[in-house]
Amino acid sequence: MSSICLHQWKPLRSRSLALLVLMTVASSACPVRAEVLSAQLPGLAPATPLFNAAYTLGAGDRIRIDIFQVPQYSGENTVLVNGSLNLPAVGAVDVSGLTLEQAAAAISAGYSRILRRPAVNLSLIAPRPVQVGVAGEVARPGSYTLDSQTNPPTLTQVLEAAGGIRQAADLRRVEVRRPQRSGGDQIIAADLMQLLQTGDLRNDMALRDGDTIFVPTATAIDLTESTQLADASFAAQEDAPINIAVVGAVFRPGPYSVTSSARTAEAGVPGSAQSTGQLPTVTRAIQLAGGITPLANIRQIQIRRLTRSGTEQVFQVDLWQLLKAGDLAQDAILQDRDTVIVPQVENIDAAEAAEVAAASFSPDTIRVNIVGEVIRPGVIEVPPNTPLNQGLLSAGGFNNRASRSSVELIRLNLNGSVSRSRVEIDFTQGVDEATNPSLRNDDVIVVGRSDTAEIGDTLETLTNPLSRFLTLIGIPFNLFDLF
C-alpha cells in the first residue's frame, strides 16, 4: 500500500479500505490532490461542480476546510478582504487568486509546521459576487456586480446587463482582460460573431471576479451583419428611445427622439412615434422628420455615427436599392446620437420621382393652394409629385370663367426665393417640367380669367357707378309716387 499515489488511486467500495489508503497516502511523498479527495472519499463535501479547477479564490468566498483526522482545525471559513484565510494555529494564509487545489496546497504547507503531512480538502460553499468592468461599444459601460451563486456569469450575460451592444461594435475582436497573481493582465480574445452565426458556446466564456470586458469599435460597418447584431440576445433593448438628428432634404430637419416606428401623413408635419417592438431605422427616422422632399437623393444617404472612442463612423445607404430590389440591409438600424444626412439633387427623372413619392418614407400628402377660376378654390392635399394637371382636377377643374390656356405657378424655393412661371395647360401631356410639372409642398397655382370674363367684369365695373347714380336720381320720383 505504501506505493499507492492519489493520481493512481481507483474508486474503492469500502469506506474502511478508503480510510486505510488515505492513511498510507498521508505518510507517503505523494502530493495533495484536493479535487480527487473531494470526489472519491465518502463523508467529505464535494467541491461544487459549477466551478471547475480554474475558479480562483478572492475576498468574500466562503469555503469549507477539511483536514483528515484533525476536526479541531476543520470548518467553514471566509476569505478576508485582503485575500487571506485566518486559520486556527497557523494564522493568515494568502489564497487570493489561487485555485482550490493551489489553496489546499498552501493550507497544507501552513499546517505542515505542526502536523505531519496534513491531508487537506477544500470545498467552495458560497462563491463571492463577481465584479467586472465593461467598456467600449455597449449601451452603459461601467462596473457591474453579478450574483454567482448558481453559475459563474458569462460574457454575454454581462453584456446584456450593460444594456447590450451597440451597432458600432466589432464582435469579432471582443477582449477579456484578466488580472494575474504575478502582475499584469492576461488578454483573452472572444469571437461573439461566431457565437451568433454558429452557436459556438466556447466563445461565451465564464468570467471571473476582476475581469474587464472591452468591446472595440468596428473599422467599417457591414450592413448585412447589422440585423444579426440587433437580434442578438445581448443587443440593446428594442423599445429604448434614442436621440438622433435628421438633416438635408427632409421637410422638418432637426433632432428627434425615436422609439421604434413612425409614420408621417402630411408633408412638413412630424411623424408620430409608435412603440412596435422594432428597432429605429433610417426610413423611420426620415418619416419622423416629415418625409423626404421631391428632390431628395435617396441613393447616397449618409449616416454619421459617434463611437465610444470619440471618433466618427461614416457610411452610406442606398434606399433606391430598397425600393427596387427590396434590399432591407440598406434600411440601416440606427443607434443613439446618429446623424442622418439626406442630400439633394438638381433634377430627378419623372418616372423615378413617381416611385419615390409612393415610398413609405415619403409623406402621404402635400399641400397646394389653388386660387382663381376653379370650381373648388383653396388648399388641397394631393400625393407628393402630383402633376399640375392632376392638381387642377383635384380642385374640380376650371369653371366657366377660367382662362384654359395657361396658369401661373408660384413656388417657394429652398433658398428662400420665390419663383413665378407661366405654364401652358394641355391635359393630354404627361409629367413634364415645362408643360406639366410635378407639384411641391406649398405651391400656389393661380388660374386667371378668360378674355370674355375680363370684358364682362370691366363692363360691370364701369356700369355699376352709373346704375347707382340713376338709382339715387330715381329715389325722389319714387317718393313722389307714394303721395
Protein backbone atom coordinates (compact mmCIF):
# COMPACT_ATOMS: atom_id res chain seq x y z
CA MET A 1 0.00 0.00 0.00
CA SER A 2 2.92 2.33 0.55
CA SER A 3 3.43 2.64 -3.17
CA ILE A 4 -0.11 3.91 -3.87
CA CYS A 5 -0.39 7.56 -5.02
CA LEU A 6 -3.61 9.60 -5.26
CA HIS A 7 -3.37 10.08 -9.02
CA GLN A 8 -3.20 6.27 -9.37
CA TRP A 9 -5.95 5.54 -6.82
CA LYS A 10 -9.13 3.84 -8.12
CA PRO A 11 -12.60 4.29 -6.57
CA LEU A 12 -12.93 1.99 -3.53
CA ARG A 13 -16.20 0.45 -2.38
CA SER A 14 -15.29 0.03 1.25
CA ARG A 15 -15.13 3.12 3.47
CA SER A 16 -12.72 1.44 5.84
CA LEU A 17 -10.44 0.47 2.99
CA ALA A 18 -10.57 4.04 1.69
CA LEU A 19 -9.52 5.38 5.07
CA LEU A 20 -6.68 2.87 5.17
CA VAL A 21 -5.46 4.07 1.79
CA LEU A 22 -5.68 7.68 2.92
CA MET A 23 -3.53 6.96 5.98
CA THR A 24 -0.96 5.37 3.72
CA VAL A 25 -1.09 8.38 1.39
CA ALA A 26 -0.67 10.78 4.30
CA SER A 27 2.64 9.15 5.18
CA SER A 28 3.88 8.96 1.61
CA ALA A 29 5.54 11.52 -0.63
CA CYS A 30 2.52 11.90 -2.92
CA PRO A 31 1.34 15.49 -3.40
CA VAL A 32 -2.07 16.63 -2.14
CA ARG A 33 -4.84 16.34 -4.74
CA ALA A 34 -7.80 18.20 -3.24
CA GLU A 35 -10.22 17.56 -6.08
CA VAL A 36 -9.64 13.77 -6.02
CA LEU A 37 -10.19 13.57 -2.29
CA SER A 38 -13.36 15.59 -2.59
CA ALA A 39 -14.75 13.47 -5.37
CA GLN A 40 -13.87 9.98 -4.05
CA LEU A 41 -13.93 9.87 -0.28
CA PRO A 42 -17.30 9.22 1.37
CA GLY A 43 -18.24 11.73 4.03
CA LEU A 44 -16.30 14.67 2.55
CA ALA A 45 -18.22 17.55 0.93
CA PRO A 46 -17.53 17.61 -2.81
CA ALA A 47 -16.43 20.82 -4.49
CA THR A 48 -19.33 22.44 -6.30
CA PRO A 49 -19.43 21.13 -9.90
CA LEU A 50 -20.46 24.57 -11.16
CA PHE A 51 -16.94 25.89 -10.62
CA ASN A 52 -14.12 23.91 -12.11
CA ALA A 53 -10.48 23.85 -11.09
CA ALA A 54 -9.94 27.17 -12.90
CA TYR A 55 -12.00 29.06 -10.30
CA THR A 56 -9.77 31.34 -8.28
CA LEU A 57 -10.48 32.45 -4.73
CA GLY A 58 -10.97 36.02 -3.65
CA ALA A 59 -12.41 38.19 -0.90
CA GLY A 60 -15.92 37.08 0.05
CA ASP A 61 -15.65 33.42 -0.97
CA ARG A 62 -16.99 31.06 1.67
CA ILE A 63 -15.19 27.71 1.78
CA ARG A 64 -15.05 24.60 3.93
CA ILE A 65 -11.71 23.22 5.04
CA ASP A 66 -11.47 19.54 5.97
CA ILE A 67 -8.20 18.23 7.44
CA PHE A 68 -8.27 14.49 7.79
CA GLN A 69 -8.46 13.32 11.42
CA VAL A 70 -7.99 16.90 12.67
CA PRO A 71 -11.59 18.15 13.23
CA GLN A 72 -10.49 20.95 15.52
CA TYR A 73 -8.81 22.67 12.58
CA SER A 74 -11.59 21.88 10.10
CA GLY A 75 -14.67 24.00 9.42
CA GLU A 76 -16.06 26.84 7.35
CA ASN A 77 -14.10 29.99 6.66
CA THR A 78 -14.43 33.18 4.60
CA VAL A 79 -11.70 34.75 2.52
CA LEU A 80 -10.98 38.16 4.05
CA VAL A 81 -10.77 41.49 2.24
CA ASN A 82 -7.01 41.15 1.93
CA GLY A 83 -7.40 37.74 0.25
CA SER A 84 -6.26 35.65 3.19
CA LEU A 85 -7.77 32.99 5.47
CA ASN A 86 -7.43 33.32 9.23
CA LEU A 87 -6.81 29.72 10.26
CA PRO A 88 -6.53 28.21 13.74
CA ALA A 89 -2.99 27.64 14.98
CA VAL A 90 -1.28 28.93 11.81
CA GLY A 91 -2.85 32.38 11.34
CA ALA A 92 -3.18 34.10 7.97
CA VAL A 93 -2.71 32.15 4.75
CA ASP A 94 -2.89 34.10 1.49
CA VAL A 95 -5.17 32.37 -1.02
CA SER A 96 -6.14 35.31 -3.26
CA GLY A 97 -6.00 34.31 -6.91
CA LEU A 98 -5.40 30.62 -6.13
CA THR A 99 -7.48 27.72 -7.39
CA LEU A 100 -8.99 25.30 -4.88
CA GLU A 101 -6.14 22.87 -5.49
CA GLN A 102 -3.50 25.56 -5.05
CA ALA A 103 -5.19 26.91 -1.93
CA ALA A 104 -5.35 23.40 -0.47
CA ALA A 105 -1.61 23.05 -1.05
CA ALA A 106 -0.96 26.44 0.62
CA ILE A 107 -3.06 25.48 3.66
CA SER A 108 -1.32 22.10 3.82
CA ALA A 109 2.05 23.85 3.77
CA GLY A 110 0.91 26.08 6.64
CA TYR A 111 -0.25 23.19 8.81
CA SER A 112 2.82 21.10 7.95
CA ARG A 113 4.67 23.12 10.58
CA ILE A 114 2.55 21.50 13.29
CA LEU A 115 1.13 18.42 11.56
CA ARG A 116 2.85 15.61 9.74
CA ARG A 117 1.80 15.68 6.09
CA PRO A 118 -1.75 17.01 6.61
CA ALA A 119 -4.37 15.88 4.06
CA VAL A 120 -6.42 18.98 3.21
CA ASN A 121 -9.67 19.13 1.23
CA LEU A 122 -11.36 22.40 0.16
CA SER A 123 -14.98 22.83 -0.86
CA LEU A 124 -16.48 26.04 -2.23
CA ILE A 125 -19.72 26.64 -0.31
CA ALA A 126 -20.75 30.13 -1.43
CA PRO A 127 -18.85 31.91 -4.20
CA ARG A 128 -18.49 35.66 -3.94
CA PRO A 129 -20.34 38.03 -6.29
CA VAL A 130 -18.42 38.64 -9.48
CA GLN A 131 -17.48 42.25 -10.18
CA VAL A 132 -16.45 43.05 -13.75
CA GLY A 133 -15.79 46.16 -15.78
CA VAL A 134 -17.34 46.75 -19.20
CA ALA A 135 -16.01 49.30 -21.70
CA GLY A 136 -16.37 50.08 -25.37
CA GLU A 137 -19.41 49.79 -27.64
CA VAL A 138 -22.09 48.94 -25.09
CA ALA A 139 -25.11 50.96 -24.06
CA ARG A 140 -23.99 51.54 -20.45
CA PRO A 141 -20.27 50.99 -19.86
CA GLY A 142 -19.09 50.78 -16.27
CA SER A 143 -18.70 48.40 -13.33
CA TYR A 144 -21.17 45.56 -12.73
CA THR A 145 -21.61 43.13 -9.87
CA LEU A 146 -23.38 39.88 -10.67
CA ASP A 147 -24.59 37.06 -8.45
CA SER A 148 -22.65 33.83 -8.94
CA GLN A 149 -24.44 31.51 -6.50
CA THR A 150 -25.64 29.12 -9.20
CA ASN A 151 -23.36 29.61 -12.20
CA PRO A 152 -20.50 31.94 -12.98
CA PRO A 153 -21.71 34.80 -15.20
CA THR A 154 -20.84 34.50 -18.86
CA LEU A 155 -19.59 37.13 -21.27
CA THR A 156 -22.96 37.60 -22.98
CA GLN A 157 -24.81 37.86 -19.64
CA VAL A 158 -22.56 40.72 -18.57
CA LEU A 159 -23.01 42.49 -21.93
CA GLU A 160 -26.76 42.16 -21.52
CA ALA A 161 -26.53 43.63 -18.01
CA ALA A 162 -24.60 46.57 -19.51
CA GLY A 163 -27.57 47.45 -21.73
CA GLY A 164 -26.45 45.44 -24.74
CA ILE A 165 -24.04 46.03 -27.60
CA ARG A 166 -24.30 48.99 -29.96
CA GLN A 167 -24.41 48.88 -33.74
CA ALA A 168 -20.83 50.18 -33.88
CA ALA A 169 -19.48 47.11 -32.05
CA ASP A 170 -16.94 44.73 -33.55
CA LEU A 171 -17.96 41.37 -32.07
CA ARG A 172 -15.07 39.53 -33.71
CA ARG A 173 -12.44 41.20 -31.51
CA VAL A 174 -14.00 41.27 -28.03
CA GLU A 175 -11.33 41.17 -25.33
CA VAL A 176 -11.44 39.92 -21.75
CA ARG A 177 -8.58 41.25 -19.63
CA ARG A 178 -7.89 39.10 -16.58
CA PRO A 179 -5.53 40.23 -13.79
CA GLN A 180 -2.80 37.76 -12.87
CA ARG A 181 -1.50 36.98 -9.39
CA SER A 182 2.03 37.59 -10.64
CA GLY A 183 1.05 41.02 -12.04
CA GLY A 184 -0.09 42.20 -15.45
CA ASP A 185 -3.15 41.08 -17.39
CA GLN A 186 -3.95 38.04 -19.42
CA ILE A 187 -5.83 39.06 -22.60
CA ILE A 188 -8.37 36.53 -23.85
CA ALA A 189 -9.98 37.03 -27.28
CA ALA A 190 -13.63 36.11 -27.87
CA ASP A 191 -15.34 35.99 -31.26
CA LEU A 192 -19.00 36.58 -30.42
CA MET A 193 -19.90 36.79 -34.11
CA GLN A 194 -19.07 33.08 -34.30
CA LEU A 195 -21.45 32.56 -31.41
CA LEU A 196 -24.23 34.34 -33.32
CA GLN A 197 -23.56 32.61 -36.63
CA THR A 198 -22.71 29.08 -35.49
CA GLY A 199 -23.84 28.90 -31.85
CA ASP A 200 -20.28 28.09 -30.70
CA LEU A 201 -20.57 28.43 -26.91
CA ARG A 202 -16.83 28.27 -26.45
CA ASN A 203 -16.73 31.99 -27.17
CA ASP A 204 -19.26 32.71 -24.42
CA MET A 205 -16.65 32.22 -21.70
CA ALA A 206 -17.28 32.20 -17.97
CA LEU A 207 -15.98 35.30 -16.23
CA ARG A 208 -14.04 35.74 -13.02
CA ASP A 209 -14.09 38.45 -10.42
CA GLY A 210 -11.96 41.37 -11.57
CA ASP A 211 -12.28 40.68 -15.31
CA THR A 212 -12.62 43.60 -17.72
CA ILE A 213 -14.58 43.31 -20.98
CA PHE A 214 -13.69 45.58 -23.89
CA VAL A 215 -15.92 45.70 -26.97
CA PRO A 216 -13.96 47.52 -29.73
CA THR A 217 -15.36 49.76 -32.44
CA ALA A 218 -15.74 48.25 -35.89
CA THR A 219 -13.46 49.75 -38.50
CA ALA A 220 -16.22 49.51 -41.13
CA ILE A 221 -19.98 48.99 -40.99
CA ASP A 222 -21.24 45.77 -42.58
CA LEU A 223 -24.94 46.35 -43.35
CA THR A 224 -25.55 42.62 -43.81
CA GLU A 225 -24.49 41.95 -40.20
CA SER A 226 -26.45 44.85 -38.74
CA THR A 227 -29.59 42.76 -38.26
CA GLN A 228 -27.60 39.97 -36.60
CA LEU A 229 -26.26 42.45 -34.08
CA ALA A 230 -29.76 43.79 -33.42
CA ASP A 231 -31.28 40.32 -32.99
CA ALA A 232 -28.65 39.06 -30.54
CA SER A 233 -29.81 38.17 -27.03
CA PHE A 234 -27.26 40.64 -25.68
CA ALA A 235 -28.24 43.50 -28.02
CA ALA A 236 -29.65 46.83 -26.88
CA GLN A 237 -33.33 46.94 -25.91
CA GLU A 238 -35.69 47.43 -28.85
CA ASP A 239 -38.03 49.82 -27.05
CA ALA A 240 -35.32 52.06 -25.64
CA PRO A 241 -35.61 55.59 -27.15
CA ILE A 242 -32.61 57.00 -28.99
CA ASN A 243 -31.77 60.59 -29.86
CA ILE A 244 -30.83 61.27 -33.48
CA ALA A 245 -30.65 64.16 -35.95
CA VAL A 246 -32.06 64.21 -39.48
CA VAL A 247 -30.85 66.96 -41.82
CA GLY A 248 -30.90 67.73 -45.52
CA ALA A 249 -33.73 67.13 -47.98
CA VAL A 250 -36.48 66.36 -45.47
CA PHE A 251 -39.46 68.53 -44.67
CA ARG A 252 -38.63 69.09 -40.99
CA PRO A 253 -34.88 68.66 -40.32
CA GLY A 254 -33.67 68.64 -36.75
CA PRO A 255 -33.17 66.44 -33.66
CA TYR A 256 -35.67 63.71 -32.83
CA SER A 257 -36.21 61.05 -30.20
CA VAL A 258 -37.02 57.79 -31.95
CA THR A 259 -38.60 54.86 -30.15
CA SER A 260 -39.37 52.34 -32.88
CA SER A 261 -41.61 53.10 -35.84
CA ALA A 262 -43.01 56.39 -37.08
CA ARG A 263 -45.35 57.45 -39.83
CA THR A 264 -45.87 60.86 -41.36
CA ALA A 265 -49.12 61.62 -43.18
CA GLU A 266 -48.71 65.23 -44.20
CA ALA A 267 -45.58 66.90 -45.58
CA GLY A 268 -43.92 69.14 -43.03
CA VAL A 269 -45.74 67.50 -40.12
CA PRO A 270 -43.51 65.30 -37.93
CA GLY A 271 -44.46 61.65 -37.90
CA SER A 272 -45.87 60.13 -34.75
CA ALA A 273 -43.59 57.69 -32.97
CA GLN A 274 -45.17 54.38 -32.05
CA SER A 275 -43.78 51.61 -29.89
CA THR A 276 -44.00 48.48 -32.01
CA GLY A 277 -41.07 46.43 -30.72
CA GLN A 278 -38.94 47.31 -33.75
CA LEU A 279 -35.58 49.00 -33.78
CA PRO A 280 -35.39 52.53 -35.27
CA THR A 281 -34.04 52.55 -38.81
CA VAL A 282 -33.11 55.18 -41.42
CA THR A 283 -36.54 55.17 -43.08
CA ARG A 284 -38.32 55.52 -39.74
CA ALA A 285 -36.12 58.47 -38.84
CA ILE A 286 -36.94 60.13 -42.18
CA GLN A 287 -40.64 59.55 -41.58
CA LEU A 288 -40.35 61.19 -38.20
CA ALA A 289 -38.72 64.22 -39.87
CA GLY A 290 -41.77 64.75 -42.11
CA GLY A 291 -40.59 62.64 -45.05
CA ILE A 292 -38.21 63.36 -47.92
CA THR A 293 -38.62 66.32 -50.25
CA PRO A 294 -39.19 65.76 -54.02
CA LEU A 295 -35.52 66.43 -54.84
CA ALA A 296 -34.02 64.10 -52.20
CA ASN A 297 -31.14 61.94 -53.35
CA ILE A 298 -32.06 58.63 -51.75
CA ARG A 299 -29.13 56.82 -53.40
CA GLN A 300 -26.47 58.47 -51.23
CA ILE A 301 -27.95 58.94 -47.76
CA GLN A 302 -25.12 59.31 -45.28
CA ILE A 303 -25.03 58.14 -41.66
CA ARG A 304 -22.57 59.73 -39.23
CA ARG A 305 -22.07 57.71 -36.05
CA LEU A 306 -20.23 58.83 -32.92
CA THR A 307 -18.32 55.96 -31.29
CA ARG A 308 -17.32 55.42 -27.66
CA SER A 309 -13.72 56.20 -28.56
CA GLY A 310 -14.73 59.70 -29.72
CA THR A 311 -14.16 59.01 -33.41
CA GLU A 312 -16.84 59.07 -36.10
CA GLN A 313 -18.01 56.26 -38.35
CA VAL A 314 -19.38 57.38 -41.73
CA PHE A 315 -21.22 55.08 -44.12
CA GLN A 316 -23.85 55.35 -46.85
CA VAL A 317 -27.13 53.60 -47.57
CA ASP A 318 -28.95 53.37 -50.90
CA LEU A 319 -32.71 53.48 -50.35
CA TRP A 320 -33.27 53.18 -54.11
CA GLN A 321 -31.99 49.59 -53.81
CA LEU A 322 -34.50 49.12 -51.01
CA LEU A 323 -37.32 50.27 -53.32
CA LYS A 324 -36.23 48.42 -56.46
CA ALA A 325 -34.66 45.23 -55.11
CA GLY A 326 -36.11 45.01 -51.59
CA ASP A 327 -32.62 45.15 -50.04
CA LEU A 328 -33.59 45.56 -46.38
CA ALA A 329 -29.94 45.81 -45.39
CA GLN A 330 -29.99 49.37 -46.81
CA ASP A 331 -32.51 50.38 -44.15
CA ALA A 332 -29.71 50.56 -41.59
CA ILE A 333 -30.50 50.24 -37.89
CA LEU A 334 -29.63 53.42 -36.01
CA GLN A 335 -28.07 53.91 -32.62
CA ASP A 336 -28.11 56.77 -30.16
CA ARG A 337 -26.65 60.11 -31.41
CA ASP A 338 -26.58 59.08 -35.09
CA THR A 339 -26.99 61.80 -37.72
CA VAL A 340 -28.88 61.04 -40.96
CA ILE A 341 -27.95 63.31 -43.88
CA VAL A 342 -30.24 63.29 -46.93
CA PRO A 343 -28.55 65.08 -49.88
CA GLN A 344 -30.39 66.88 -52.67
CA VAL A 345 -30.15 66.60 -56.45
CA GLU A 346 -30.66 69.31 -59.08
CA ASN A 347 -33.11 67.32 -61.19
CA ILE A 348 -34.84 63.98 -60.87
CA ASP A 349 -36.25 61.68 -63.51
CA ALA A 350 -40.05 61.91 -63.67
CA ALA A 351 -40.58 58.15 -63.56
CA GLU A 352 -38.20 57.79 -60.63
CA ALA A 353 -39.86 60.70 -58.83
CA ALA A 354 -43.22 58.93 -59.03
CA GLU A 355 -41.76 55.77 -57.45
CA VAL A 356 -40.03 57.71 -54.70
CA ALA A 357 -43.26 59.63 -53.99
CA ALA A 358 -45.04 56.33 -53.38
CA ALA A 359 -42.39 55.13 -50.91
CA SER A 360 -43.26 54.71 -47.24
CA PHE A 361 -40.66 57.31 -46.24
CA SER A 362 -42.33 59.98 -48.39
CA PRO A 363 -45.24 61.93 -46.89
CA ASP A 364 -48.71 60.72 -47.82
CA THR A 365 -49.80 64.18 -48.94
CA ILE A 366 -48.51 67.66 -49.78
CA ARG A 367 -50.43 70.95 -49.55
CA VAL A 368 -51.11 73.01 -52.68
CA ASN A 369 -53.09 76.27 -52.75
CA ILE A 370 -55.21 76.77 -55.93
CA VAL A 371 -56.79 80.19 -56.29
CA GLY A 372 -58.80 81.85 -59.05
CA GLU A 373 -61.22 80.39 -61.52
CA VAL A 374 -61.62 76.79 -60.39
CA ILE A 375 -64.72 75.11 -59.01
CA ARG A 376 -63.29 74.50 -55.51
CA PRO A 377 -60.54 77.06 -54.85
CA GLY A 378 -58.41 76.78 -51.70
CA VAL A 379 -55.84 74.48 -50.14
CA ILE A 380 -55.98 70.89 -51.35
CA GLU A 381 -53.98 67.83 -50.28
CA VAL A 382 -52.51 65.63 -53.01
CA PRO A 383 -49.83 62.89 -53.09
CA PRO A 384 -46.20 64.05 -53.48
CA ASN A 385 -45.03 64.76 -57.04
CA THR A 386 -48.61 65.06 -58.28
CA PRO A 387 -48.62 66.65 -61.78
CA LEU A 388 -50.06 70.15 -62.09
CA ASN A 389 -52.86 68.91 -64.37
CA GLN A 390 -53.97 66.44 -61.73
CA GLY A 391 -53.85 69.16 -59.07
CA LEU A 392 -56.23 71.31 -61.13
CA LEU A 393 -58.64 68.41 -61.49
CA SER A 394 -58.47 67.77 -57.73
CA ALA A 395 -59.84 71.32 -57.28
CA GLY A 396 -62.78 70.49 -59.54
CA GLY A 397 -61.23 71.79 -62.73
CA PHE A 398 -61.82 75.12 -64.50
CA ASN A 399 -65.07 76.98 -64.07
CA ASN A 400 -66.80 78.75 -67.00
CA ARG A 401 -64.87 82.00 -66.36
CA ALA A 402 -61.37 80.47 -66.42
CA SER A 403 -58.63 81.02 -68.93
CA ARG A 404 -57.97 77.49 -70.02
CA SER A 405 -54.79 78.11 -71.97
CA SER A 406 -52.32 78.66 -69.12
CA VAL A 407 -51.95 79.11 -65.35
CA GLU A 408 -49.35 80.78 -63.13
CA LEU A 409 -47.25 78.63 -60.79
CA ILE A 410 -45.75 80.37 -57.74
CA ARG A 411 -43.13 78.34 -55.86
CA LEU A 412 -41.16 78.99 -52.68
CA ASN A 413 -37.62 77.73 -53.29
CA LEU A 414 -35.41 76.12 -50.69
CA ASN A 415 -33.06 79.15 -50.67
CA GLY A 416 -35.95 81.40 -49.62
CA SER A 417 -36.59 82.98 -53.02
CA VAL A 418 -39.92 82.90 -54.83
CA SER A 419 -40.23 81.91 -58.49
CA ARG A 420 -43.17 82.64 -60.83
CA SER A 421 -43.70 80.83 -64.10
CA ARG A 422 -46.42 80.59 -66.73
CA VAL A 423 -47.39 77.01 -67.57
CA GLU A 424 -49.31 76.18 -70.75
CA ILE A 425 -52.13 73.76 -69.99
CA ASP A 426 -52.58 70.62 -72.05
CA PHE A 427 -54.39 67.82 -70.27
CA THR A 428 -53.08 65.31 -72.78
CA GLN A 429 -49.46 65.89 -71.66
CA GLY A 430 -47.65 63.58 -69.25
CA VAL A 431 -45.36 64.76 -66.46
CA ASP A 432 -43.04 67.41 -67.87
CA GLU A 433 -41.28 70.27 -66.10
CA ALA A 434 -42.23 72.71 -68.89
CA THR A 435 -45.84 71.77 -69.64
CA ASN A 436 -46.98 69.68 -66.65
CA PRO A 437 -44.52 69.99 -63.72
CA SER A 438 -44.73 67.95 -60.55
CA LEU A 439 -46.16 69.93 -57.66
CA ARG A 440 -44.26 70.57 -54.45
CA ASN A 441 -45.42 71.30 -50.95
CA ASP A 442 -46.85 74.86 -50.53
CA ASP A 443 -47.02 75.56 -54.30
CA VAL A 444 -49.60 78.17 -55.37
CA ILE A 445 -51.50 77.82 -58.66
CA VAL A 446 -53.25 80.95 -59.95
CA VAL A 447 -55.99 80.37 -62.55
CA GLY A 448 -56.80 83.60 -64.37
CA ARG A 449 -59.97 84.79 -66.13
CA SER A 450 -60.73 84.34 -69.78
CA ASP A 451 -60.87 87.37 -72.11
CA THR A 452 -64.65 87.21 -72.18
CA ALA A 453 -64.85 87.14 -68.38
CA GLU A 454 -62.45 90.08 -68.14
CA ILE A 455 -64.51 92.18 -70.63
CA GLY A 456 -67.69 91.34 -68.72
CA ASP A 457 -66.10 92.22 -65.38
CA THR A 458 -64.79 95.52 -66.84
CA LEU A 459 -68.23 96.50 -68.19
CA GLU A 460 -69.77 95.58 -64.88
CA THR A 461 -67.22 97.73 -63.11
CA LEU A 462 -68.00 100.69 -65.41
CA THR A 463 -71.77 100.35 -65.31
CA ASN A 464 -72.09 99.85 -61.59
CA PRO A 465 -71.45 103.55 -60.69
CA LEU A 466 -73.90 104.72 -63.39
CA SER A 467 -76.59 102.34 -62.23
CA ARG A 468 -76.10 103.51 -58.64
CA PHE A 469 -76.34 107.16 -59.81
CA LEU A 470 -79.60 106.52 -61.68
CA THR A 471 -80.92 104.74 -58.65
CA LEU A 472 -80.20 107.77 -56.49
CA ILE A 473 -81.90 110.11 -59.00
CA GLY A 474 -84.96 107.91 -59.09
CA ILE A 475 -85.47 107.96 -55.34
CA PRO A 476 -87.36 111.36 -55.22
CA PHE A 477 -89.70 110.29 -58.03
CA ASN A 478 -90.41 107.09 -56.22
CA LEU A 479 -91.24 109.03 -53.08
CA PHE A 480 -93.50 111.26 -55.19
CA ASP A 481 -95.45 108.26 -56.34
CA LEU A 482 -96.18 107.36 -52.74
CA PHE A 483 -98.23 110.54 -52.31
